[in-house]
């Protein structure tokens, strides 16, 4: 019987993770407003929801990027330290 691995493979972070994240969430916030326009919803309310979504989602993503980048820097320094001791 074959075992399946459900974990995602580690990928290097993008060159500009913060900028990319902000642009992505801005596009999603714009979709909230466009959906409200197309369905006849309140523009003011959709702008408030879109702004709230953008702030919360971007803040969370920035926090997660900061944690991930710090962990990767720690792993890189640990690898560099172990290589220098091996020599």
Protein backbone atom coordinates (compact mmCIF):
# COMPACT_ATOMS: atom_id res chain seq x y z
CA UNK A 1 0.00 0.00 0.00
CA UNK A 2 1.28 3.42 -0.94
CA UNK A 3 1.34 6.29 1.51
CA UNK A 4 0.33 9.73 0.37
CA UNK A 5 2.00 12.87 1.57
CA UNK A 6 -0.47 15.70 2.08
CA UNK A 7 2.04 18.40 2.86
CA UNK A 8 2.85 20.99 0.27
CA UNK A 9 6.43 21.07 -1.00
CA UNK A 10 8.49 23.97 0.29
CA UNK A 11 8.75 26.72 -2.26
CA UNK A 12 11.00 29.73 -2.03
CA UNK A 13 9.19 32.96 -1.23
CA UNK A 14 8.51 35.40 -4.05
CA UNK A 15 10.95 38.27 -4.56
CA UNK A 16 8.51 40.83 -3.16
CA UNK A 17 6.09 38.94 -0.90
CA UNK A 18 4.63 42.01 0.82
CA UNK A 19 3.91 43.90 -2.39
CA UNK A 20 2.45 40.81 -4.08
CA UNK A 21 0.21 40.14 -1.10
CA UNK A 22 -1.07 43.71 -0.98
CA UNK A 23 -1.84 43.70 -4.72
CA UNK A 24 -3.65 40.37 -4.44
CA UNK A 25 -5.82 41.56 -1.57
CA UNK A 26 -6.50 44.84 -3.36
CA UNK A 27 -7.82 42.90 -6.35
CA UNK A 28 -10.04 40.79 -4.09
CA UNK A 29 -11.33 43.94 -2.37
CA UNK A 30 -12.13 45.42 -5.79
CA UNK A 31 -14.07 42.24 -6.59
CA UNK A 32 -16.21 42.86 -3.51
CA UNK A 33 -17.08 46.33 -4.80
CA UNK A 34 -17.67 45.13 -8.37
CA UNK A 35 -19.95 42.36 -7.11
CA UNK A 36 -21.98 44.91 -5.16
CA UNK A 37 -22.24 47.12 -8.24
CA UNK A 38 -23.38 44.25 -10.46
CA UNK A 39 -25.96 42.99 -7.98
CA UNK A 40 -27.37 46.42 -7.12
CA UNK A 41 -25.94 46.50 -3.61
CA UNK A 42 -24.95 49.53 -1.61
CA UNK A 43 -21.72 51.06 -2.90
CA UNK A 44 -20.90 52.69 0.43
CA UNK A 45 -21.40 49.48 2.36
CA UNK A 46 -19.33 47.49 -0.16
CA UNK A 47 -16.50 50.02 0.12
CA UNK A 48 -16.52 49.66 3.91
CA UNK A 49 -16.50 45.85 3.67
CA UNK A 50 -13.79 45.91 1.00
CA UNK A 51 -11.61 48.24 3.05
CA UNK A 52 -12.11 46.10 6.16
CA UNK A 53 -11.29 42.95 4.22
CA UNK A 54 -8.17 44.54 2.73
CA UNK A 55 -6.84 45.74 6.09
CA UNK A 56 -7.49 42.50 7.98
CA UNK A 57 -6.34 40.13 5.22
CA UNK A 58 -3.22 42.15 4.44
CA UNK A 59 -2.26 42.52 8.11
CA UNK A 60 -2.63 38.78 8.66
CA UNK A 61 -0.64 37.94 5.53
CA UNK A 62 2.13 40.39 6.43
CA UNK A 63 2.38 38.81 9.87
CA UNK A 64 2.58 35.32 8.36
CA UNK A 65 5.24 36.43 5.84
CA UNK A 66 7.29 37.97 8.62
CA UNK A 67 7.16 34.72 10.62
CA UNK A 68 8.00 32.58 7.57
CA UNK A 69 10.89 34.78 6.46
CA UNK A 70 12.31 34.82 10.00
CA UNK A 71 12.11 31.01 10.18
CA UNK A 72 13.85 30.69 6.83
CA UNK A 73 16.59 33.09 7.90
CA UNK A 74 17.05 31.09 11.10
CA UNK A 75 17.30 27.83 9.15
CA UNK A 76 19.78 29.38 6.72
CA UNK A 77 21.98 30.64 9.54
CA UNK A 78 21.81 27.23 11.25
CA UNK A 79 22.88 25.53 8.01
CA UNK A 80 25.71 28.02 7.54
CA UNK A 81 26.83 27.45 11.12
CA UNK A 82 26.83 23.69 10.75
CA UNK A 83 28.84 23.93 7.51
CA UNK A 84 31.51 26.10 9.11
CA UNK A 85 31.86 23.64 12.02
CA UNK A 86 32.17 20.70 9.60
CA UNK A 87 35.22 22.20 7.91
